[in-house]
PDB file of N, CA and C in Angstrom:
ATOM      1  N   UNK A   1     -18.257 -24.888  -7.694  1.00  0.00           N
ATOM      2  CA  UNK A   1     -18.123 -23.672  -7.825  1.00  0.00           C
ATOM      3  C   UNK A   1     -16.891 -23.029  -7.782  1.00  0.00           C
ATOM      4  N   UNK A   2     -15.755 -23.585  -7.798  1.00  0.00           N
ATOM      5  CA  UNK A   2     -14.883 -23.326  -7.213  1.00  0.00           C
ATOM      6  C   UNK A   2     -14.142 -22.088  -8.311  1.00  0.00           C
ATOM      7  N   UNK A   3     -14.560 -22.412 -10.394  1.00  0.00           N
ATOM      8  CA  UNK A   3     -14.658 -21.860 -11.066  1.00  0.00           C
ATOM      9  C   UNK A   3     -15.276 -21.097 -11.600  1.00  0.00           C
ATOM     10  N   UNK A   4     -15.915 -19.896 -10.652  1.00  0.00           N
ATOM     11  CA  UNK A   4     -17.043 -18.458 -10.625  1.00  0.00           C
ATOM     12  C   UNK A   4     -16.957 -17.490 -11.907  1.00  0.00           C
ATOM     13  N   UNK A   5     -17.146 -17.724 -12.382  1.00  0.00           N
ATOM     14  CA  UNK A   5     -16.623 -16.928 -13.821  1.00  0.00           C
ATOM     15  C   UNK A   5     -17.436 -15.388 -13.243  1.00  0.00           C
ATOM     16  N   UNK A   6     -16.985 -14.341 -13.816  1.00  0.00           N
ATOM     17  CA  UNK A   6     -17.558 -12.757 -13.694  1.00  0.00           C
ATOM     18  C   UNK A   6     -18.601 -12.561 -15.271  1.00  0.00           C
ATOM     19  N   UNK A   7     -19.741 -11.800 -14.735  1.00  0.00           N
ATOM     20  CA  UNK A   7     -20.285 -11.457 -15.865  1.00  0.00           C
ATOM     21  C   UNK A   7     -19.990 -10.277 -16.552  1.00  0.00           C
ATOM     22  N   UNK A   8     -20.617  -9.901 -17.673  1.00  0.00           N
ATOM     23  CA  UNK A   8     -20.636  -8.471 -18.113  1.00  0.00           C
ATOM     24  C   UNK A   8     -20.965  -7.845 -17.698  1.00  0.00           C
ATOM     25  N   UNK A   9     -21.757  -7.905 -15.896  1.00  0.00           N
ATOM     26  CA  UNK A   9     -22.242  -6.634 -15.345  1.00  0.00           C
ATOM     27  C   UNK A   9     -21.313  -6.348 -13.840  1.00  0.00           C
ATOM     28  N   UNK A  10     -20.113  -7.890 -13.796  1.00  0.00           N
ATOM     29  CA  UNK A  10     -19.001  -7.404 -13.135  1.00  0.00           C
ATOM     30  C   UNK A  10     -19.530  -8.491 -11.959  1.00  0.00           C
ATOM     31  N   UNK A  11     -20.380  -9.023 -11.712  1.00  0.00           N
ATOM     32  CA  UNK A  11     -20.939  -9.945 -10.412  1.00  0.00           C
ATOM     33  C   UNK A  11     -20.398 -11.388 -10.868  1.00  0.00           C
ATOM     34  N   UNK A  12     -20.279 -12.122 -10.105  1.00  0.00           N
ATOM     35  CA  UNK A  12     -20.124 -13.780  -9.887  1.00  0.00           C
ATOM     36  C   UNK A  12     -21.627 -14.163 -10.823  1.00  0.00           C
ATOM     37  N   UNK A  13     -21.263 -15.079 -11.434  1.00  0.00           N
ATOM     38  CA  UNK A  13     -22.661 -15.847 -12.183  1.00  0.00           C
ATOM     39  C   UNK A  13     -23.361 -16.307 -11.483  1.00  0.00           C
ATOM     40  N   UNK A  14     -22.857 -17.199 -10.479  1.00  0.00           N
ATOM     41  CA  UNK A  14     -23.950 -18.021  -9.512  1.00  0.00           C
ATOM     42  C   UNK A  14     -24.792 -16.751  -8.703  1.00  0.00           C
ATOM     43  N   UNK A  15     -24.232 -15.683  -8.087  1.00  0.00           N
ATOM     44  CA  UNK A  15     -24.794 -14.357  -7.814  1.00  0.00           C
ATOM     45  C   UNK A  15     -25.862 -13.788  -8.632  1.00  0.00           C
ATOM     46  N   UNK A  16     -25.144 -13.330 -10.128  1.00  0.00           N
ATOM     47  CA  UNK A  16     -26.419 -12.986 -10.739  1.00  0.00           C
ATOM     48  C   UNK A  16     -27.485 -13.969 -11.345  1.00  0.00           C
ATOM     49  N   UNK A  17     -27.337 -15.325 -11.173  1.00  0.00           N
ATOM     50  CA  UNK A  17     -27.975 -16.448 -11.869  1.00  0.00           C
ATOM     51  C   UNK A  17     -29.239 -15.853 -10.550  1.00  0.00           C
ATOM     52  N   UNK A  18     -29.026 -16.951  -9.064  1.00  0.00           N
ATOM     53  CA  UNK A  18     -29.981 -16.184  -8.170  1.00  0.00           C
ATOM     54  C   UNK A  18     -30.540 -15.317  -8.022  1.00  0.00           C
ATOM     55  N   UNK A  19     -30.280 -13.938  -8.292  1.00  0.00           N
ATOM     56  CA  UNK A  19     -31.006 -12.519  -8.300  1.00  0.00           C
ATOM     57  C   UNK A  19     -31.927 -12.465  -9.129  1.00  0.00           C
ATOM     58  N   UNK A  20     -31.947 -13.120 -10.413  1.00  0.00           N
ATOM     59  CA  UNK A  20     -32.831 -13.492 -11.469  1.00  0.00           C
ATOM     60  C   UNK A  20     -34.083 -13.884 -10.764  1.00  0.00           C
ATOM     61  N   UNK A  21     -34.095 -14.625  -9.492  1.00  0.00           N
ATOM     62  CA  UNK A  21     -35.413 -15.208  -8.982  1.00  0.00           C
ATOM     63  C   UNK A  21     -36.073 -14.402  -7.642  1.00  0.00           C
ATOM     64  N   UNK A  22     -34.976 -13.449  -7.033  1.00  0.00           N
ATOM     65  CA  UNK A  22     -35.307 -12.728  -6.275  1.00  0.00           C
ATOM     66  C   UNK A  22     -34.823 -11.042  -6.166  1.00  0.00           C
ATOM     67  N   UNK A  23     -35.174 -10.394  -5.803  1.00  0.00           N
ATOM     68  CA  UNK A  23     -36.513 -10.663  -4.984  1.00  0.00           C
ATOM     69  C   UNK A  23     -37.959 -10.340  -5.554  1.00  0.00           C
ATOM     70  N   UNK A  24     -37.773  -9.852  -6.947  1.00  0.00           N
ATOM     71  CA  UNK A  24     -38.950 -10.076  -7.860  1.00  0.00           C
ATOM     72  C   UNK A  24     -38.748 -10.810  -9.078  1.00  0.00           C
ATOM     73  N   UNK A  25     -38.966 -11.981  -8.930  1.00  0.00           N
ATOM     74  CA  UNK A  25     -38.960 -12.833 -10.183  1.00  0.00           C
ATOM     75  C   UNK A  25     -39.002 -12.287 -11.650  1.00  0.00           C
ATOM     76  N   UNK A  26     -40.025 -11.972 -11.705  1.00  0.00           N
ATOM     77  CA  UNK A  26     -40.264 -10.915 -13.170  1.00  0.00           C
ATOM     78  C   UNK A  26     -39.827  -9.789 -13.600  1.00  0.00           C
ATOM     79  N   UNK A  27     -39.548  -9.063 -12.547  1.00  0.00           N
ATOM     80  CA  UNK A  27     -38.770  -7.608 -12.832  1.00  0.00           C
ATOM     81  C   UNK A  27     -37.319  -8.156 -12.672  1.00  0.00           C
ATOM     82  N   UNK A  28     -36.715  -8.443 -11.884  1.00  0.00           N
ATOM     83  CA  UNK A  28     -34.808  -8.945 -11.823  1.00  0.00           C
ATOM     84  C   UNK A  28     -35.123  -9.976 -13.092  1.00  0.00           C
ATOM     85  N   UNK A  29     -35.531 -10.877 -13.301  1.00  0.00           N
ATOM     86  CA  UNK A  29     -35.476 -11.827 -15.008  1.00  0.00           C
ATOM     87  C   UNK A  29     -34.953 -10.897 -15.889  1.00  0.00           C
ATOM     88  N   UNK A  30     -36.359 -10.110 -16.108  1.00  0.00           N
ATOM     89  CA  UNK A  30     -36.142  -8.929 -17.173  1.00  0.00           C
ATOM     90  C   UNK A  30     -34.959  -8.002 -17.055  1.00  0.00           C
ATOM     91  N   UNK A  31     -34.980  -7.397 -15.877  1.00  0.00           N
ATOM     92  CA  UNK A  31     -33.444  -6.830 -16.028  1.00  0.00           C
ATOM     93  C   UNK A  31     -32.062  -7.568 -16.154  1.00  0.00           C
ATOM     94  N   UNK A  32     -32.106  -8.725 -16.259  1.00  0.00           N
ATOM     95  CA  UNK A  32     -30.357  -9.299 -16.266  1.00  0.00           C
ATOM     96  C   UNK A  32     -31.013 -10.537 -16.885  1.00  0.00           C
ATOM     97  N   UNK A  33     -32.043 -10.345 -17.946  1.00  0.00           N
ATOM     98  CA  UNK A  33     -31.737 -10.876 -19.457  1.00  0.00           C
ATOM     99  C   UNK A  33     -31.627  -9.775 -20.331  1.00  0.00           C
ATOM    100  N   UNK A  34     -32.278  -8.370 -20.141  1.00  0.00           N
ATOM    101  CA  UNK A  34     -31.853  -7.491 -20.917  1.00  0.00           C
ATOM    102  C   UNK A  34     -30.400  -6.936 -20.902  1.00  0.00           C
ATOM    103  N   UNK A  35     -30.105  -6.939 -19.357  1.00  0.00           N
ATOM    104  CA  UNK A  35     -28.544  -5.981 -19.263  1.00  0.00           C
ATOM    105  C   UNK A  35     -27.471  -7.555 -19.095  1.00  0.00           C
ATOM    106  N   UNK A  36     -27.389  -8.507 -19.326  1.00  0.00           N
ATOM    107  CA  UNK A  36     -26.151  -9.114 -19.171  1.00  0.00           C
ATOM    108  C   UNK A  36     -26.400  -9.506 -20.824  1.00  0.00           C
ATOM    109  N   UNK A  37     -24.636  -9.264 -21.328  1.00  0.00           N
ATOM    110  CA  UNK A  37     -24.268  -9.665 -22.456  1.00  0.00           C
ATOM    111  C   UNK A  37     -23.920 -10.784 -22.677  1.00  0.00           C
ATOM    112  N   UNK A  38     -22.983 -11.272 -22.033  1.00  0.00           N
ATOM    113  CA  UNK A  38     -22.374 -12.673 -21.826  1.00  0.00           C
ATOM    114  C   UNK A  38     -22.757 -13.952 -21.497  1.00  0.00           C
ATOM    115  N   UNK A  39     -22.881 -14.232 -20.584  1.00  0.00           N
ATOM    116  CA  UNK A  39     -23.532 -15.334 -19.796  1.00  0.00           C
ATOM    117  C   UNK A  39     -24.572 -15.707 -20.193  1.00  0.00           C
ATOM    118  N   UNK A  40     -24.332 -17.024 -20.877  1.00  0.00           N
ATOM    119  CA  UNK A  40     -25.485 -17.811 -20.939  1.00  0.00           C
ATOM    120  C   UNK A  40     -26.270 -18.141 -20.023  1.00  0.00           C
ATOM    121  N   UNK A  41     -25.250 -18.932 -18.694  1.00  0.00           N
ATOM    122  CA  UNK A  41     -25.959 -19.306 -17.661  1.00  0.00           C
ATOM    123  C   UNK A  41     -26.936 -18.286 -17.185  1.00  0.00           C
ATOM    124  N   UNK A  42     -26.583 -17.374 -17.189  1.00  0.00           N
ATOM    125  CA  UNK A  42     -27.119 -15.987 -16.108  1.00  0.00           C
ATOM    126  C   UNK A  42     -28.790 -15.698 -17.213  1.00  0.00           C
ATOM    127  N   UNK A  43     -28.943 -15.711 -18.334  1.00  0.00           N
ATOM    128  CA  UNK A  43     -29.535 -15.444 -19.401  1.00  0.00           C
ATOM    129  C   UNK A  43     -30.662 -16.761 -19.343  1.00  0.00           C
ATOM    130  N   UNK A  44     -30.053 -17.743 -18.832  1.00  0.00           N
ATOM    131  CA  UNK A  44     -31.136 -19.114 -19.277  1.00  0.00           C
ATOM    132  C   UNK A  44     -32.235 -18.417 -17.840  1.00  0.00           C
ATOM    133  N   UNK A  45     -31.070 -18.743 -16.989  1.00  0.00           N
ATOM    134  CA  UNK A  45     -31.943 -18.330 -15.542  1.00  0.00           C
ATOM    135  C   UNK A  45     -33.290 -17.409 -15.743  1.00  0.00           C
ATOM    136  N   UNK A  46     -32.957 -16.052 -15.952  1.00  0.00           N
ATOM    137  CA  UNK A  46     -33.642 -15.130 -16.187  1.00  0.00           C
ATOM    138  C   UNK A  46     -34.550 -15.234 -17.271  1.00  0.00           C
ATOM    139  N   UNK A  47     -34.135 -15.894 -17.766  1.00  0.00           N
ATOM    140  CA  UNK A  47     -35.534 -16.197 -18.625  1.00  0.00           C
ATOM    141  C   UNK A  47     -36.498 -17.557 -18.443  1.00  0.00           C
ATOM    142  N   UNK A  48     -35.688 -18.029 -17.594  1.00  0.00           N
ATOM    143  CA  UNK A  48     -36.633 -19.200 -16.462  1.00  0.00           C
ATOM    144  C   UNK A  48     -37.659 -18.575 -15.595  1.00  0.00           C
ATOM    145  N   UNK A  49     -36.856 -17.580 -14.845  1.00  0.00           N
ATOM    146  CA  UNK A  49     -37.542 -16.485 -14.173  1.00  0.00           C
ATOM    147  C   UNK A  49     -38.858 -16.152 -15.114  1.00  0.00           C
ATOM    148  N   UNK A  50     -38.776 -15.396 -15.914  1.00  0.00           N
ATOM    149  CA  UNK A  50     -39.285 -14.836 -16.459  1.00  0.00           C
ATOM    150  C   UNK A  50     -41.043 -15.658 -16.282  1.00  0.00           C
ATOM    151  N   UNK A  51     -40.265 -16.785 -17.598  1.00  0.00           N
ATOM    152  CA  UNK A  51     -41.651 -17.862 -17.678  1.00  0.00           C
ATOM    153  C   UNK A  51     -42.563 -18.196 -17.023  1.00  0.00           C
ATOM    154  N   UNK A  52     -41.283 -18.791 -15.526  1.00  0.00           N
ATOM    155  CA  UNK A  52     -42.015 -18.916 -14.242  1.00  0.00           C
ATOM    156  C   UNK A  52     -42.874 -18.073 -13.821  1.00  0.00           C
ATOM    157  N   UNK A  53     -42.966 -17.026 -13.457  1.00  0.00           N
ATOM    158  CA  UNK A  53     -43.492 -15.967 -13.666  1.00  0.00           C
ATOM    159  C   UNK A  53     -44.890 -15.502 -14.126  1.00  0.00           C
ATOM    160  N   UNK A  54     -44.954 -15.489 -15.590  1.00  0.00           N
ATOM    161  CA  UNK A  54     -46.156 -15.498 -16.183  1.00  0.00           C
ATOM    162  C   UNK A  54     -46.651 -16.767 -16.126  1.00  0.00           C
ATOM    163  N   UNK A  55     -46.297 -17.953 -16.084  1.00  0.00           N
ATOM    164  CA  UNK A  55     -47.095 -19.091 -15.985  1.00  0.00           C
ATOM    165  C   UNK A  55     -47.806 -18.991 -14.554  1.00  0.00           C
ATOM    166  N   UNK A  56     -47.576 -18.663 -13.844  1.00  0.00           N
ATOM    167  CA  UNK A  56     -47.778 -18.159 -12.032  1.00  0.00           C
ATOM    168  C   UNK A  56     -49.387 -17.233 -12.193  1.00  0.00           C
ATOM    169  N   UNK A  57     -49.123 -16.170 -13.262  1.00  0.00           N
ATOM    170  CA  UNK A  57     -49.648 -15.411 -13.080  1.00  0.00           C
ATOM    171  C   UNK A  57     -51.155 -15.864 -13.801  1.00  0.00           C
ATOM    172  N   UNK A  58     -50.833 -16.403 -14.978  1.00  0.00           N
ATOM    173  CA  UNK A  58     -51.844 -17.017 -15.679  1.00  0.00           C
ATOM    174  C   UNK A  58     -52.703 -18.229 -14.735  1.00  0.00           C
ATOM    175  N   UNK A  59     -51.250 -18.996 -14.017  1.00  0.00           N
ATOM    176  CA  UNK A  59     -52.546 -20.021 -12.987  1.00  0.00           C
ATOM    177  C   UNK A  59     -53.383 -18.855 -12.197  1.00  0.00           C
ATOM    178  N   UNK A  60     -52.784 -18.422 -11.713  1.00  0.00           N
ATOM    179  CA  UNK A  60     -53.973 -17.176 -10.527  1.00  0.00           C
ATOM    180  C   UNK A  60     -55.066 -16.774 -11.215  1.00  0.00           C
ATOM    181  N   UNK A  61     -55.169 -16.281 -12.210  1.00  0.00           N
ATOM    182  CA  UNK A  61     -55.782 -15.614 -12.925  1.00  0.00           C
ATOM    183  C   UNK A  61     -56.843 -16.807 -13.277  1.00  0.00           C
ATOM    184  N   UNK A  62     -56.636 -17.995 -13.580  1.00  0.00           N
ATOM    185  CA  UNK A  62     -57.615 -18.856 -13.965  1.00  0.00           C
ATOM    186  C   UNK A  62     -58.244 -19.067 -12.379  1.00  0.00           C
ATOM    187  N   UNK A  63     -57.379 -19.823 -11.410  1.00  0.00           N
ATOM    188  CA  UNK A  63     -58.136 -19.759 -10.115  1.00  0.00           C
ATOM    189  C   UNK A  63     -58.816 -18.775  -9.414  1.00  0.00           C
ATOM    190  N   UNK A  64     -58.809 -17.342  -9.835  1.00  0.00           N
ATOM    191  CA  UNK A  64     -59.599 -16.475  -9.175  1.00  0.00           C
ATOM    192  C   UNK A  64     -60.906 -16.874  -9.723  1.00  0.00           C
ATOM    193  N   UNK A  65     -61.385 -17.270 -11.276  1.00  0.00           N
ATOM    194  CA  UNK A  65     -62.549 -17.531 -11.562  1.00  0.00           C
ATOM    195  C   UNK A  65     -63.279 -18.136 -10.452  1.00  0.00           C
ATOM    196  N   UNK A  66     -63.025 -18.969 -10.077  1.00  0.00           N
ATOM    197  CA  UNK A  66     -63.698 -19.648  -9.145  1.00  0.00           C
ATOM    198  C   UNK A  66     -63.820 -19.815  -7.750  1.00  0.00           C
ATOM    199  N   UNK A  67     -64.529 -20.250  -6.631  1.00  0.00           N
ATOM    200  CA  UNK A  67     -64.657 -19.837  -5.137  1.00  0.00           C
ATOM    201  C   UNK A  67     -63.712 -20.948  -5.124  1.00  0.00           C
ATOM    202  N   UNK A  68     -63.804 -22.163  -5.418  1.00  0.00           N
ATOM    203  CA  UNK A  68     -62.621 -23.085  -5.128  1.00  0.00           C
ATOM    204  C   UNK A  68     -61.785 -23.153  -5.770  1.00  0.00           C
ATOM    205  N   UNK A  69     -61.547 -22.528  -6.649  1.00  0.00           N
ATOM    206  CA  UNK A  69     -60.201 -21.816  -7.061  1.00  0.00           C
ATOM    207  C   UNK A  69     -58.997 -20.349  -5.575  1.00  0.00           C
ATOM    208  N   UNK A  70     -60.308 -19.638  -5.336  1.00  0.00           N
ATOM    209  CA  UNK A  70     -59.420 -18.783  -4.636  1.00  0.00           C
ATOM    210  C   UNK A  70     -59.290 -19.236  -3.390  1.00  0.00           C
ATOM    211  N   UNK A  71     -59.876 -20.550  -3.071  1.00  0.00           N
ATOM    212  CA  UNK A  71     -59.528 -21.165  -2.003  1.00  0.00           C
ATOM    213  C   UNK A  71     -58.325 -21.638  -1.760  1.00  0.00           C
ATOM    214  N   UNK A  72     -57.719 -21.954  -3.182  1.00  0.00           N
ATOM    215  CA  UNK A  72     -56.264 -22.732  -3.839  1.00  0.00           C
ATOM    216  C   UNK A  72     -55.475 -21.742  -3.429  1.00  0.00           C
ATOM    217  N   UNK A  73     -55.277 -20.464  -3.999  1.00  0.00           N
ATOM    218  CA  UNK A  73     -54.750 -19.435  -4.045  1.00  0.00           C
ATOM    219  C   UNK A  73     -53.383 -19.383  -3.004  1.00  0.00           C
ATOM    220  N   UNK A  74     -54.135 -19.731  -1.640  1.00  0.00           N
ATOM    221  CA  UNK A  74     -52.584 -19.678  -0.593  1.00  0.00           C
ATOM    222  C   UNK A  74     -51.740 -20.791  -1.058  1.00  0.00           C
ATOM    223  N   UNK A  75     -52.617 -21.789  -1.089  1.00  0.00           N
ATOM    224  CA  UNK A  75     -51.479 -22.929  -1.434  1.00  0.00           C
ATOM    225  C   UNK A  75     -50.666 -22.578  -2.477  1.00  0.00           C
ATOM    226  N   UNK A  76     -51.257 -22.108  -3.843  1.00  0.00           N
ATOM    227  CA  UNK A  76     -50.268 -21.763  -4.726  1.00  0.00           C
ATOM    228  C   UNK A  76     -49.400 -20.576  -4.682  1.00  0.00           C
ATOM    229  N   UNK A  77     -49.410 -19.956  -3.698  1.00  0.00           N
ATOM    230  CA  UNK A  77     -48.376 -18.745  -3.222  1.00  0.00           C
ATOM    231  C   UNK A  77     -47.634 -19.701  -2.759  1.00  0.00           C
ATOM    232  N   UNK A  78     -48.015 -20.316  -1.875  1.00  0.00           N
ATOM    233  CA  UNK A  78     -47.191 -21.267  -0.690  1.00  0.00           C
ATOM    234  C   UNK A  78     -45.871 -22.312  -1.520  1.00  0.00           C
ATOM    235  N   UNK A  79     -46.804 -22.735  -2.473  1.00  0.00           N
ATOM    236  CA  UNK A  79     -45.433 -23.719  -3.438  1.00  0.00           C
ATOM    237  C   UNK A  79     -44.735 -22.690  -4.154  1.00  0.00           C
ATOM    238  N   UNK A  80     -45.353 -21.521  -4.624  1.00  0.00           N
ATOM    239  CA  UNK A  80     -44.547 -20.634  -5.774  1.00  0.00           C
ATOM    240  C   UNK A  80     -43.038 -20.201  -4.722  1.00  0.00           C
ATOM    241  N   UNK A  81     -43.653 -19.837  -3.623  1.00  0.00           N
ATOM    242  CA  UNK A  81     -42.651 -19.381  -2.672  1.00  0.00           C
ATOM    243  C   UNK A  81     -41.659 -20.545  -2.655  1.00  0.00           C
ATOM    244  N   UNK A  82     -41.778 -21.689  -2.492  1.00  0.00           N
ATOM    245  CA  UNK A  82     -40.736 -22.818  -1.948  1.00  0.00           C
ATOM    246  C   UNK A  82     -40.160 -22.714  -3.233  1.00  0.00           C
ATOM    247  N   UNK A  83     -40.998 -22.939  -4.326  1.00  0.00           N
ATOM    248  CA  UNK A  83     -40.117 -23.095  -5.702  1.00  0.00           C
ATOM    249  C   UNK A  83     -38.816 -21.724  -5.950  1.00  0.00           C
ATOM    250  N   UNK A  84     -39.403 -20.529  -5.886  1.00  0.00           N
ATOM    251  CA  UNK A  84     -38.578 -19.548  -5.883  1.00  0.00           C
ATOM    252  C   UNK A  84     -37.308 -19.973  -5.213  1.00  0.00           C
ATOM    253  N   UNK A  85     -37.562 -20.353  -3.772  1.00  0.00           N
ATOM    254  CA  UNK A  85     -36.195 -20.288  -2.592  1.00  0.00           C
ATOM    255  C   UNK A  85     -35.675 -21.595  -3.378  1.00  0.00           C
ATOM    256  N   UNK A  86     -36.002 -22.536  -3.608  1.00  0.00           N
ATOM    257  CA  UNK A  86     -35.619 -23.835  -4.386  1.00  0.00           C
ATOM    258  C   UNK A  86     -34.608 -22.975  -5.516  1.00  0.00           C
ATOM    259  N   UNK A  87     -34.977 -22.626  -6.756  1.00  0.00           N
ATOM    260  CA  UNK A  87     -34.491 -22.067  -8.169  1.00  0.00           C
ATOM    261  C   UNK A  87     -33.309 -20.818  -7.337  1.00  0.00           C
ATOM    262  N   UNK A  88     -33.221 -19.930  -6.349  1.00  0.00           N
ATOM    263  CA  UNK A  88     -32.390 -19.606  -5.883  1.00  0.00           C
ATOM    264  C   UNK A  88     -30.700 -20.270  -5.288  1.00  0.00           C
ATOM    265  N   UNK A  89     -31.486 -21.182  -4.676  1.00  0.00           N
ATOM    266  CA  UNK A  89     -30.345 -22.163  -4.003  1.00  0.00           C
ATOM    267  C   UNK A  89     -29.586 -22.841  -5.338  1.00  0.00           C
ATOM    268  N   UNK A  90     -30.439 -23.712  -6.028  1.00  0.00           N
ATOM    269  CA  UNK A  90     -29.796 -24.165  -7.461  1.00  0.00           C
ATOM    270  C   UNK A  90     -28.929 -23.328  -8.407  1.00  0.00           C
ATOM    271  N   UNK A  91     -29.536 -22.064  -8.454  1.00  0.00           N
ATOM    272  CA  UNK A  91     -28.757 -21.562  -9.155  1.00  0.00           C
ATOM    273  C   UNK A  91     -27.459 -20.727  -8.531  1.00  0.00           C
ATOM    274  N   UNK A  92     -27.262 -20.695  -7.329  1.00  0.00           N
ATOM    275  CA  UNK A  92     -26.547 -20.078  -6.186  1.00  0.00           C
ATOM    276  C   UNK A  92     -25.630 -21.130  -6.414  1.00  0.00           C
ATOM    277  N   UNK A  93     -25.554 -22.215  -6.502  1.00  0.00           N
ATOM    278  CA  UNK A  93     -24.912 -23.795  -6.056  1.00  0.00           C
ATOM    279  C   UNK A  93     -24.306 -23.823  -7.661  1.00  0.00           C
ATOM    280  N   UNK A  94     -24.456 -22.776  -8.722  1.00  0.00           N
ATOM    281  CA  UNK A  94     -23.972 -23.020 -10.324  1.00  0.00           C
ATOM    282  C   UNK A  94     -24.770 -23.756 -11.022  1.00  0.00           C
ATOM    283  N   UNK A  95     -25.794 -24.793 -10.437  1.00  0.00           N
ATOM    284  CA  UNK A  95     -26.609 -25.671 -11.284  1.00  0.00           C
ATOM    285  C   UNK A  95     -27.579 -25.194 -12.370  1.00  0.00           C
ATOM    286  N   UNK A  96     -28.077 -25.694 -13.586  1.00  0.00           N
ATOM    287  CA  UNK A  96     -28.443 -25.027 -14.536  1.00  0.00           C
ATOM    288  C   UNK A  96     -29.814 -26.124 -14.307  1.00  0.00           C
ATOM    289  N   UNK A  97     -30.226 -25.410 -13.138  1.00  0.00           N
ATOM    290  CA  UNK A  97     -31.715 -26.601 -12.935  1.00  0.00           C
ATOM    291  C   UNK A  97     -32.993 -25.684 -14.295  1.00  0.00           C
ATOM    292  N   UNK A  98     -33.457 -27.337 -14.799  1.00  0.00           N
ATOM    293  CA  UNK A  98     -34.297 -26.801 -15.781  1.00  0.00           C
ATOM    294  C   UNK A  98     -35.912 -27.108 -15.092  1.00  0.00           C
ATOM    295  N   UNK A  99     -36.885 -26.424 -15.119  1.00  0.00           N
ATOM    296  CA  UNK A  99     -38.020 -26.700 -14.566  1.00  0.00           C
ATOM    297  C   UNK A  99     -38.709 -27.492 -15.871  1.00  0.00           C
ATOM    298  N   UNK A 100     -39.661 -28.203 -15.898  1.00  0.00           N
ATOM    299  CA  UNK A 100     -40.914 -28.736 -16.942  1.00  0.00           C
ATOM    300  C   UNK A 100     -41.140 -27.889 -17.660  1.00  0.00           C
ATOM    301  N   UNK A 101     -41.117 -27.987 -18.986  1.00  0.00           N
ATOM    302  CA  UNK A 101     -41.765 -27.030 -19.747  1.00  0.00           C
ATOM    303  C   UNK A 101     -40.912 -25.759 -20.320  1.00  0.00           C
ATOM    304  N   UNK A 102     -41.061 -25.137 -19.295  1.00  0.00           N
ATOM    305  CA  UNK A 102     -40.662 -24.151 -18.755  1.00  0.00           C
ATOM    306  C   UNK A 102     -39.073 -23.846 -18.646  1.00  0.00           C
ATOM    307  N   UNK A 103     -38.768 -24.404 -18.262  1.00  0.00           N
ATOM    308  CA  UNK A 103     -37.031 -24.859 -18.735  1.00  0.00           C
ATOM    309  C   UNK A 103     -36.464 -24.923 -19.981  1.00  0.00           C
ATOM    310  N   UNK A 104     -37.058 -25.388 -20.770  1.00  0.00           N
ATOM    311  CA  UNK A 104     -36.563 -26.089 -22.067  1.00  0.00           C
ATOM    312  C   UNK A 104     -37.060 -24.864 -22.710  1.00  0.00           C
ATOM    313  N   UNK A 105     -38.339 -24.124 -22.385  1.00  0.00           N
ATOM    314  CA  UNK A 105     -38.618 -22.939 -23.089  1.00  0.00           C
ATOM    315  C   UNK A 105     -37.528 -22.004 -22.996  1.00  0.00           C
ATOM    316  N   UNK A 106     -36.982 -21.892 -21.946  1.00  0.00           N
ATOM    317  CA  UNK A 106     -35.748 -20.654 -21.823  1.00  0.00           C
ATOM    318  C   UNK A 106     -34.557 -21.140 -22.154  1.00  0.00           C
ATOM    319  N   UNK A 107     -34.229 -22.852 -22.257  1.00  0.00           N
ATOM    320  CA  UNK A 107     -33.086 -22.979 -22.736  1.00  0.00           C
ATOM    321  C   UNK A 107     -33.318 -22.589 -24.445  1.00  0.00           C
ATOM    322  N   UNK A 108     -34.475 -22.393 -24.648  1.00  0.00           N
ATOM    323  CA  UNK A 108     -34.097 -22.363 -26.759  1.00  0.00           C
ATOM    324  C   UNK A 108     -34.560 -20.696 -26.954  1.00  0.00           C
ATOM    325  N   UNK A 109     -34.772 -19.684 -26.004  1.00  0.00           N
ATOM    326  CA  UNK A 109     -34.927 -18.210 -26.069  1.00  0.00           C
ATOM    327  C   UNK A 109     -33.426 -17.630 -25.888  1.00  0.00           C
ATOM    328  N   UNK A 110     -32.565 -18.737 -25.648  1.00  0.00           N
ATOM    329  CA  UNK A 110     -30.913 -18.368 -25.063  1.00  0.00           C
ATOM    330  C   UNK A 110     -30.456 -19.392 -25.739  1.00  0.00           C
ATOM    331  N   UNK A 111     -30.582 -19.636 -26.807  1.00  0.00           N
ATOM    332  CA  UNK A 111     -29.599 -20.188 -27.547  1.00  0.00           C
ATOM    333  C   UNK A 111     -29.530 -19.510 -28.797  1.00  0.00           C
TER     334      UNK A 111
END
């Protein structure tokens, strides 16, 4: 983290990447993906945030269909919360942590 670069929005790259996941990952992911012009690191985290949220929404929609699925919703919510905190931490540390499948998708969209 010694060589923290500034982004086109004037924030440190690691802070902007962490903000892609927090406080509202879908909204902040879209905002930073659209507004950030220079940093591929930030754009990667923004796209991964967007894709992760869409995947979680689809999972929630599938779970709502059944009673057993509805009982699992709180667990999915807790896992999603822990995942978001983990991704904020990794992005803040300057790491390009890739989620399985979603991370590869995000990388292709930014390239």
